[in-house]
Amino acid sequence: MGVFTFSDEFTSPIPAARLFKALIVDSQNLIPKLMPQVIKSIDVVQGDGGAGSIRQINFAEGSQLSCMKNRVDELNEETFTYKYALIEGGPLMEKFESIAYEVKFEPTPDGGSKNKMTSTYCTRGDFELREEEVKAGKERALGMYKAVEAYLIQNPDAYV
């Protein structure tokens, strides 16, 4: 088993509290509206959406996966921290023992935010995680992030 950790950092003109609220706290409502070609729905199938909850992401028809489930480990609206783990994901679970994510939004002096994302992959057996697989996942996450950021710029009264 191998353990691979990747980190990324993005900056945004959107304040941390606003971006966190839209991208994380209300994702089940906002993301399917902004990206219906990718995400059909996000459902809380267990819990109230906070720590311990299970969220199921249902992908649009024609996607490689039909759905995946994440367990929310931490959702802190005061520190803008979100930690979750992939617990079901079809073929992904054949390659990985676990995949854990941590997202942290920090205010910046200019009124925007700095957003850090860390992903930890624990592979099964001698499976080697290729850089292009990680890059493809990062690009999908960045696409969602940019869609929400654009929505918030266009709708300055949303999520305030």
Protein backbone atom coordinates (compact mmCIF):
# COMPACT_ATOMS: atom_id res chain seq x y z
CA MET A 1 0.00 0.00 0.00
CA GLY A 2 1.24 3.47 -0.86
CA VAL A 3 0.21 6.81 0.57
CA PHE A 4 0.20 9.83 -1.71
CA THR A 5 -0.61 13.36 -0.56
CA PHE A 6 -1.19 16.30 -2.87
CA SER A 7 -1.88 19.92 -1.97
CA ASP A 8 -3.08 22.86 -3.99
CA GLU A 9 -3.76 26.48 -3.22
CA PHE A 10 -6.03 28.92 -5.03
CA THR A 11 -6.84 32.55 -4.46
CA SER A 12 -10.20 34.16 -5.06
CA PRO A 13 -11.65 37.66 -4.94
CA ILE A 14 -14.62 36.14 -3.05
CA PRO A 15 -14.51 36.36 0.78
CA ALA A 16 -13.81 33.06 2.55
CA ALA A 17 -17.15 32.95 4.41
CA ARG A 18 -19.18 33.49 1.24
CA LEU A 19 -17.25 30.97 -0.85
CA PHE A 20 -17.37 28.36 1.93
CA LYS A 21 -21.12 28.80 2.34
CA ALA A 22 -21.80 28.42 -1.40
CA LEU A 23 -19.23 25.77 -2.34
CA ILE A 24 -19.41 23.59 0.77
CA VAL A 25 -22.40 24.26 3.03
CA ASP A 26 -25.00 24.67 0.27
CA SER A 27 -23.31 22.55 -2.40
CA GLN A 28 -26.23 20.11 -2.60
CA ASN A 29 -28.42 22.94 -3.88
CA LEU A 30 -26.00 25.11 -5.86
CA ILE A 31 -23.65 22.69 -7.66
CA PRO A 32 -26.35 20.71 -9.58
CA LYS A 33 -27.85 24.04 -10.75
CA LEU A 34 -24.50 25.38 -11.96
CA MET A 35 -23.15 22.12 -13.42
CA PRO A 36 -26.12 19.95 -14.48
CA GLN A 37 -24.05 18.44 -17.29
CA VAL A 38 -21.76 16.89 -14.63
CA ILE A 39 -23.69 16.62 -11.34
CA LYS A 40 -27.30 15.41 -11.40
CA SER A 41 -27.83 15.83 -7.64
CA ILE A 42 -26.13 15.80 -4.25
CA ASP A 43 -28.16 14.15 -1.51
CA VAL A 44 -27.58 13.88 2.22
CA VAL A 45 -28.49 10.20 2.70
CA GLN A 46 -27.58 10.03 6.38
CA GLY A 47 -27.33 12.74 9.05
CA ASP A 48 -28.00 16.47 8.90
CA GLY A 49 -25.19 17.46 6.53
CA GLY A 50 -22.64 18.07 9.30
CA ALA A 51 -19.91 15.80 10.70
CA GLY A 52 -20.84 12.13 10.48
CA SER A 53 -23.24 12.67 7.57
CA ILE A 54 -23.09 10.71 4.33
CA ARG A 55 -23.50 12.65 1.08
CA GLN A 56 -24.18 10.93 -2.23
CA ILE A 57 -23.10 12.67 -5.42
CA ASN A 58 -25.13 11.48 -8.41
CA PHE A 59 -23.44 12.14 -11.72
CA ALA A 60 -25.14 13.09 -14.98
CA GLU A 61 -25.90 10.42 -17.52
CA GLY A 62 -22.89 9.40 -19.56
CA SER A 63 -20.37 9.92 -16.73
CA GLN A 64 -17.78 7.26 -15.89
CA LEU A 65 -19.38 6.83 -12.44
CA SER A 66 -23.07 6.85 -11.63
CA CYS A 67 -22.51 8.01 -8.05
CA MET A 68 -20.11 8.20 -5.14
CA LYS A 69 -20.56 8.64 -1.41
CA ASN A 70 -18.57 10.85 0.94
CA ARG A 71 -18.49 10.83 4.73
CA VAL A 72 -18.28 14.30 6.26
CA ASP A 73 -15.62 14.24 8.98
CA GLU A 74 -15.62 17.96 9.79
CA LEU A 75 -17.65 20.93 8.63
CA ASN A 76 -16.65 24.01 10.60
CA GLU A 77 -18.36 27.24 9.53
CA GLU A 78 -16.23 29.31 11.94
CA THR A 79 -12.81 28.19 10.67
CA PHE A 80 -14.07 27.48 7.11
CA THR A 81 -12.68 23.94 7.26
CA TYR A 82 -14.20 20.91 5.55
CA LYS A 83 -12.83 17.38 5.84
CA TYR A 84 -14.39 14.40 4.13
CA ALA A 85 -13.57 10.91 2.89
CA LEU A 86 -14.69 8.95 -0.14
CA ILE A 87 -16.44 5.82 1.16
CA GLU A 88 -18.09 4.47 -2.01
CA GLY A 89 -17.07 5.13 -5.56
CA GLY A 90 -17.39 2.03 -7.69
CA PRO A 91 -14.15 1.29 -9.55
CA LEU A 92 -12.20 3.84 -7.50
CA MET A 93 -12.51 1.67 -4.41
CA GLU A 94 -10.82 -1.21 -6.25
CA LYS A 95 -7.63 0.89 -6.44
CA PHE A 96 -7.77 2.72 -3.09
CA GLU A 97 -8.09 1.76 0.55
CA SER A 98 -9.18 5.31 1.25
CA ILE A 99 -9.21 8.83 -0.14
CA ALA A 100 -9.41 11.74 2.29
CA TYR A 101 -9.78 15.43 1.53
CA GLU A 102 -9.28 18.59 3.54
CA VAL A 103 -10.39 22.01 2.33
CA LYS A 104 -9.56 25.23 4.18
CA PHE A 105 -10.64 28.75 3.24
CA GLU A 106 -8.70 31.68 4.74
CA PRO A 107 -9.51 35.39 4.47
CA THR A 108 -6.92 37.55 2.71
CA PRO A 109 -6.13 41.22 3.45
CA ASP A 110 -7.71 42.32 0.15
CA GLY A 111 -11.12 40.92 1.15
CA GLY A 112 -10.80 37.75 -0.93
CA SER A 113 -9.67 34.31 0.15
CA LYS A 114 -6.87 31.79 -0.06
CA ASN A 115 -8.16 28.26 -0.43
CA LYS A 116 -6.07 25.20 0.37
CA MET A 117 -7.01 21.69 -0.69
CA THR A 118 -5.16 18.56 0.41
CA SER A 119 -5.93 15.07 -0.89
CA THR A 120 -4.52 11.89 0.64
CA TYR A 121 -4.76 8.67 -1.36
CA CYS A 122 -4.02 5.27 0.23
CA THR A 123 -3.65 2.76 -2.59
CA ARG A 124 -4.38 -0.97 -2.53
CA GLY A 125 -1.57 -3.43 -3.19
CA ASP A 126 1.07 -2.20 -5.59
CA PHE A 127 -1.22 0.18 -7.47
CA GLU A 128 0.71 3.28 -8.54
CA LEU A 129 -1.15 6.57 -8.64
CA ARG A 130 -0.23 8.34 -11.87
CA GLU A 131 0.24 12.08 -12.01
CA GLU A 132 -2.24 12.45 -14.89
CA GLU A 133 -4.98 10.83 -12.77
CA VAL A 134 -4.36 13.31 -9.97
CA LYS A 135 -4.23 16.19 -12.46
CA ALA A 136 -7.58 15.17 -13.99
CA GLY A 137 -9.19 15.12 -10.53
CA LYS A 138 -7.74 18.52 -9.68
CA GLU A 139 -9.06 19.98 -12.94
CA ARG A 140 -12.58 18.70 -12.18
CA ALA A 141 -12.44 20.21 -8.67
CA LEU A 142 -11.09 23.50 -10.03
CA GLY A 143 -13.87 23.59 -12.63
CA MET A 144 -16.48 23.34 -9.86
CA TYR A 145 -14.66 25.95 -7.80
CA LYS A 146 -14.50 28.37 -10.75
CA ALA A 147 -18.19 27.83 -11.60
CA VAL A 148 -19.18 28.77 -8.04
CA GLU A 149 -16.78 31.73 -8.00
CA ALA A 150 -18.24 33.04 -11.29
CA TYR A 151 -21.78 32.64 -9.93
CA LEU A 152 -20.88 34.61 -6.79
CA ILE A 153 -19.26 37.39 -8.83
CA GLN A 154 -22.37 37.64 -11.01
CA ASN A 155 -24.69 37.47 -7.96
CA PRO A 156 -23.12 39.77 -5.34
CA ASP A 157 -26.08 39.39 -2.95
CA ALA A 158 -25.99 35.58 -2.90
CA TYR A 159 -24.58 33.85 0.18
CA VAL A 160 -23.83 37.03 2.14
